[in-house]
Amino acid sequence: MPTAKRAPHAQYVPAGADGIGRLILTRPEKLNATDGDSVDDLARAAADALRDRGARAVVVSGEGRAFCAGIDLAALAADRLGGDWFRRWDVALAKIEAIPAPTVAAIQGPCLGGGLQIALCCDLRVAAADATFGLSAVRHGIIPGLATYRLPRVIGMGAALEMMLLGETWDAARAEGHGLVSRVVPLGDLAAVALELAKRLAANVRAASAATKHLTLRSYDMPLGRFLRAYVRAQRNCWNDLETKANLARYRAGRWATPTHDAAPSRRARPRRRR
């Protein structure tokens, strides 16, 4: 008798006319906890998002009552993950971080361990009031992955060490206070707020958004001279981008910029001319 096809633990929904893609963790019965299959599914979904030329923003979310509860402890205890699991996991996370379009993590419920690592790979993070955050890996005898690299860059070294070494769970208010999330909203408003942020991101010039994201992520790792050269190249490419040129043509015609794609434009005040 043929084996039933396994449901994916993550999937990517390509951007439609609004320019917004959706990367969704789809293992709600396990609070989106990650096992061996999850790594492959997440890597595949992230690769699909990375290749989506129509995406001007991507919302990353988890189905059910959790964003992601982290590693599947049952799989870890049963030694079902394999020695290569952690390398594969960090490759999948790197693909999320490398998505050219800006990403918004919509976080509800537990965002722990690997779930927090996924959120750290996103550009903006918005949390429901019931969201909780933590990295308790050291209590299980392992290292909290490349959160050791990313978390200090988001909340500072002192707060990052406190979270990782004490293994405490933070509530949404504490996470917001440390800058781990940009805003906290009622659970019922989470999807709408994340979507509104994505719409605002999608209204920007895609090339400029992608270049700004890429440069910012590299800013800690490059000396100023090399970074300046990379910036000049990126600025030149943006200046020659067709969408930018279309905006400049509208400026010359006396019209303020509006998006050239089908996403709803953000409301921007027209600049006053100097007398």
Protein backbone atom coordinates (compact mmCIF):
# COMPACT_ATOMS: atom_id res chain seq x y z
CA MET A 1 0.00 0.00 0.00
CA PRO A 2 1.57 3.36 -0.99
CA THR A 3 2.65 5.70 1.79
CA ALA A 4 0.47 8.77 2.19
CA LYS A 5 2.15 11.98 1.09
CA ARG A 6 3.40 14.05 4.01
CA ALA A 7 1.98 17.53 4.47
CA PRO A 8 4.73 20.16 4.24
CA HIS A 9 5.85 21.89 7.43
CA ALA A 10 6.42 25.18 5.59
CA GLN A 11 5.30 26.60 2.28
CA TYR A 12 5.58 29.75 0.23
CA VAL A 13 2.62 31.47 -1.44
CA PRO A 14 3.94 33.61 -4.31
CA ALA A 15 3.15 37.29 -4.49
CA GLY A 16 0.02 38.25 -6.37
CA ALA A 17 -1.08 41.64 -7.66
CA ASP A 18 -0.37 43.23 -4.27
CA GLY A 19 3.31 42.30 -4.48
CA ILE A 20 3.22 40.49 -1.13
CA GLY A 21 4.44 36.91 -0.73
CA ARG A 22 3.63 34.68 2.25
CA LEU A 23 6.05 32.25 3.88
CA ILE A 24 3.99 30.13 6.29
CA LEU A 25 5.00 27.56 8.90
CA THR A 26 2.39 24.84 8.56
CA ARG A 27 2.78 22.36 11.42
CA PRO A 28 0.27 23.83 13.88
CA GLU A 29 -0.46 20.51 15.61
CA LYS A 30 3.15 20.62 16.92
CA LEU A 31 3.19 24.40 17.47
CA ASN A 32 5.27 24.56 14.27
CA ALA A 33 8.18 22.87 16.05
CA THR A 34 10.99 21.89 13.70
CA ASP A 35 12.31 18.40 12.94
CA GLY A 36 14.26 16.87 10.06
CA ASP A 37 11.44 17.30 7.57
CA SER A 38 10.86 20.89 8.67
CA VAL A 39 14.38 21.92 7.71
CA ASP A 40 13.97 20.71 4.14
CA ASP A 41 10.52 22.29 3.83
CA LEU A 42 11.68 25.61 5.27
CA ALA A 43 14.70 25.70 2.97
CA ARG A 44 12.48 24.97 -0.02
CA ALA A 45 9.93 27.63 0.93
CA ALA A 46 12.65 30.22 1.54
CA ALA A 47 14.26 29.39 -1.82
CA ASP A 48 10.89 29.91 -3.51
CA ALA A 49 10.57 33.30 -1.83
CA LEU A 50 14.11 34.21 -2.80
CA ARG A 51 13.32 33.51 -6.47
CA ASP A 52 9.97 35.32 -6.49
CA ARG A 53 10.64 38.35 -8.70
CA GLY A 54 7.11 39.59 -8.12
CA ALA A 55 7.56 39.86 -4.35
CA ARG A 56 8.05 43.38 -3.05
CA ALA A 57 7.49 42.30 0.56
CA VAL A 58 7.09 38.94 2.32
CA VAL A 59 5.08 38.16 5.46
CA VAL A 60 6.47 35.27 7.54
CA SER A 61 3.93 33.65 9.86
CA GLY A 62 2.99 30.44 11.65
CA GLU A 63 -0.35 28.66 11.48
CA GLY A 64 -2.26 28.00 14.69
CA ARG A 65 -1.58 29.41 18.13
CA ALA A 66 2.22 29.55 17.86
CA PHE A 67 4.69 31.21 15.56
CA CYS A 68 7.20 28.41 16.20
CA ALA A 69 8.01 26.60 19.44
CA GLY A 70 11.55 25.76 18.31
CA ILE A 71 13.19 22.41 17.86
CA ASP A 72 11.00 19.32 18.25
CA LEU A 73 12.30 18.05 21.59
CA ALA A 74 10.83 14.59 21.01
CA ALA A 75 12.82 14.27 17.78
CA LEU A 76 15.93 15.63 19.53
CA ALA A 77 15.60 13.21 22.46
CA ALA A 78 15.06 10.25 20.12
CA ASP A 79 18.17 11.23 18.12
CA ARG A 80 16.10 11.48 14.93
CA LEU A 81 17.63 14.73 13.70
CA GLY A 82 21.01 13.46 12.57
CA GLY A 83 24.43 15.03 12.93
CA ASP A 84 23.97 17.30 9.91
CA TRP A 85 20.71 18.83 11.12
CA PHE A 86 22.17 22.00 12.61
CA ARG A 87 24.16 22.85 9.49
CA ARG A 88 21.10 22.32 7.30
CA TRP A 89 19.02 24.43 9.67
CA ASP A 90 21.39 27.38 9.45
CA VAL A 91 21.49 27.09 5.66
CA ALA A 92 17.68 27.35 5.65
CA LEU A 93 17.80 30.41 7.91
CA ALA A 94 20.39 32.06 5.68
CA LYS A 95 17.99 31.67 2.76
CA ILE A 96 15.27 33.52 4.70
CA GLU A 97 17.70 36.31 5.52
CA ALA A 98 18.78 36.48 1.87
CA ILE A 99 15.25 37.07 0.52
CA PRO A 100 15.72 40.33 -1.44
CA ALA A 101 12.31 41.74 -0.56
CA PRO A 102 11.81 43.13 2.96
CA THR A 103 10.29 40.59 5.33
CA VAL A 104 7.80 41.04 8.17
CA ALA A 105 7.49 38.39 10.89
CA ALA A 106 3.96 38.19 12.35
CA ILE A 107 4.49 36.54 15.73
CA GLN A 108 1.84 35.04 17.99
CA GLY A 109 2.18 32.67 20.94
CA PRO A 110 5.48 30.86 21.51
CA CYS A 111 8.43 32.15 19.48
CA LEU A 112 11.13 30.06 21.07
CA GLY A 113 14.50 28.64 20.10
CA GLY A 114 14.47 28.07 16.37
CA GLY A 115 11.29 30.12 16.10
CA LEU A 116 13.11 33.16 17.43
CA GLN A 117 15.98 32.39 15.06
CA ILE A 118 13.53 32.53 12.14
CA ALA A 119 12.17 35.86 13.41
CA LEU A 120 15.71 37.27 13.70
CA CYS A 121 16.20 36.58 9.99
CA CYS A 122 13.26 38.87 9.19
CA ASP A 123 13.62 42.62 8.74
CA LEU A 124 10.61 43.74 10.77
CA ARG A 125 8.95 41.91 13.65
CA VAL A 126 5.47 42.62 14.98
CA ALA A 127 4.10 40.63 17.91
CA ALA A 128 0.73 39.81 19.33
CA ALA A 129 0.27 40.59 23.01
CA ASP A 130 0.36 36.85 23.82
CA ALA A 131 3.74 36.28 22.14
CA THR A 132 6.64 34.88 24.18
CA PHE A 133 10.32 34.79 23.26
CA GLY A 134 13.22 32.71 24.49
CA LEU A 135 16.43 30.81 23.76
CA SER A 136 16.82 28.02 26.30
CA ALA A 137 19.26 25.87 24.31
CA VAL A 138 22.00 25.95 26.95
CA ARG A 139 19.62 24.30 29.42
CA HIS A 140 19.34 21.37 26.97
CA GLY A 141 23.10 21.17 26.43
CA ILE A 142 23.31 22.80 23.00
CA ILE A 143 24.17 26.22 21.58
CA PRO A 144 21.32 28.50 20.40
CA GLY A 145 22.58 28.39 16.82
CA LEU A 146 23.40 31.57 14.98
CA ALA A 147 21.20 33.51 17.35
CA THR A 148 24.61 33.97 19.01
CA TYR A 149 25.48 36.02 15.90
CA ARG A 150 22.19 37.74 15.07
CA LEU A 151 20.60 38.50 18.44
CA PRO A 152 23.32 40.87 19.75
CA ARG A 153 23.00 42.91 16.57
CA VAL A 154 19.30 43.42 17.22
CA ILE A 155 19.10 43.98 20.99
CA GLY A 156 22.72 44.57 22.05
CA MET A 157 25.30 42.28 23.62
CA GLY A 158 24.19 42.59 27.25
CA ALA A 159 20.52 41.81 26.67
CA ALA A 160 21.41 39.01 24.23
CA LEU A 161 23.71 37.32 26.74
CA GLU A 162 21.06 37.65 29.43
CA MET A 163 18.43 35.97 27.26
CA MET A 164 20.69 33.17 26.05
CA LEU A 165 22.60 32.37 29.25
CA LEU A 166 19.69 32.60 31.68
CA GLY A 167 17.35 30.84 29.27
CA GLU A 168 14.48 33.06 30.39
CA THR A 169 11.24 33.53 28.50
CA TRP A 170 10.37 37.13 27.71
CA ASP A 171 6.85 38.42 27.25
CA ALA A 172 5.93 40.71 24.36
CA ALA A 173 6.28 43.91 26.38
CA ARG A 174 9.83 43.05 27.43
CA ALA A 175 10.72 42.09 23.87
CA GLU A 176 9.41 45.43 22.62
CA GLY A 177 11.33 47.29 25.32
CA HIS A 178 14.58 45.74 24.12
CA GLY A 179 13.81 46.38 20.44
CA LEU A 180 13.35 42.72 19.59
CA VAL A 181 9.96 43.58 18.08
CA SER A 182 8.92 46.96 16.71
CA ARG A 183 5.36 46.90 18.01
CA VAL A 184 2.93 44.82 20.05
CA VAL A 185 -0.74 44.58 19.03
CA PRO A 186 -3.83 42.63 20.13
CA LEU A 187 -3.84 39.10 18.76
CA GLY A 188 -6.90 39.80 16.66
CA ASP A 189 -5.11 42.68 14.91
CA LEU A 190 -1.83 40.87 14.21
CA ALA A 191 -2.51 39.70 10.66
CA ALA A 192 -3.93 43.07 9.60
CA VAL A 193 -1.03 45.06 11.09
CA ALA A 194 1.57 42.77 9.48
CA LEU A 195 -0.21 43.06 6.15
CA GLU A 196 -0.37 46.85 6.41
CA LEU A 197 3.38 46.99 7.08
CA ALA A 198 3.96 44.71 4.09
CA LYS A 199 1.82 46.97 1.89
CA ARG A 200 3.87 49.98 2.92
CA LEU A 201 7.07 48.10 2.13
CA ALA A 202 5.67 46.92 -1.21
CA ALA A 203 4.91 50.52 -2.17
CA ASN A 204 8.64 51.36 -2.25
CA VAL A 205 10.89 50.97 -5.27
CA ARG A 206 11.90 47.30 -5.23
CA ALA A 207 15.52 47.80 -6.23
CA ALA A 208 16.07 50.46 -3.60
CA SER A 209 14.48 48.33 -0.86
CA ALA A 210 16.56 45.28 -1.80
CA ALA A 211 19.80 47.30 -1.97
CA THR A 212 19.13 49.05 1.35
CA LYS A 213 18.45 45.70 3.03
CA HIS A 214 21.54 44.09 1.51
CA LEU A 215 23.86 46.92 2.51
CA THR A 216 22.49 47.15 6.03
CA LEU A 217 22.96 43.42 6.64
CA ARG A 218 26.57 43.70 5.47
CA SER A 219 27.36 46.87 7.42
CA TYR A 220 28.80 45.08 10.47
CA ASP A 221 31.16 42.93 8.42
CA MET A 222 32.88 45.39 6.07
CA PRO A 223 35.41 48.17 6.68
CA LEU A 224 34.14 51.62 5.77
CA GLY A 225 36.18 51.97 2.57
CA ARG A 226 34.95 48.69 1.13
CA PHE A 227 31.41 49.42 2.28
CA LEU A 228 31.50 52.83 0.62
CA ARG A 229 32.48 51.26 -2.70
CA ALA A 230 29.63 48.74 -2.40
CA TYR A 231 27.23 51.56 -1.57
CA VAL A 232 28.28 53.63 -4.59
CA ARG A 233 27.77 50.65 -6.92
CA ALA A 234 24.36 49.93 -5.41
CA GLN A 235 23.31 53.58 -5.61
CA ARG A 236 24.31 53.70 -9.28
CA ASN A 237 22.28 50.57 -9.98
CA CYS A 238 19.24 52.05 -8.22
CA TRP A 239 19.62 55.30 -10.16
CA ASN A 240 19.54 53.34 -13.42
CA ASP A 241 16.62 51.13 -12.37
CA LEU A 242 13.60 51.41 -14.67
CA GLU A 243 11.19 51.95 -11.78
CA THR A 244 13.35 54.75 -10.39
CA LYS A 245 13.52 56.33 -13.83
CA ALA A 246 9.72 56.19 -14.06
CA ASN A 247 9.47 57.98 -10.72
CA LEU A 248 11.91 60.67 -11.88
CA ALA A 249 9.87 61.17 -15.04
CA ARG A 250 6.79 61.78 -12.87
CA TYR A 251 8.74 64.28 -10.78
CA ARG A 252 9.71 66.17 -13.92
CA ALA A 253 6.06 66.18 -14.97
CA GLY A 254 5.13 67.71 -11.61
CA ARG A 255 3.54 64.57 -10.17
CA TRP A 256 4.62 62.99 -6.88
CA ALA A 257 5.66 59.33 -7.04
CA THR A 258 3.10 56.55 -7.03
CA PRO A 259 3.98 52.83 -7.23
CA THR A 260 4.29 51.40 -10.72
CA HIS A 261 2.96 48.00 -9.64
CA ASP A 262 -0.51 46.94 -8.55
CA ALA A 263 0.02 47.21 -4.81
CA ALA A 264 -2.02 49.85 -3.02
CA PRO A 265 0.02 53.04 -2.80
CA SER A 266 0.99 54.42 0.55
CA ARG A 267 -0.24 57.93 1.25
CA ARG A 268 2.56 60.42 0.91
CA ALA A 269 2.37 64.15 1.13
CA ARG A 270 3.41 66.02 -1.96
CA PRO A 271 6.50 68.13 -1.21
CA ARG A 272 6.01 71.86 -1.16
CA ARG A 273 7.88 73.84 -3.76
CA ARG A 274 10.12 76.57 -2.53
CA ARG A 275 8.99 80.03 -3.43
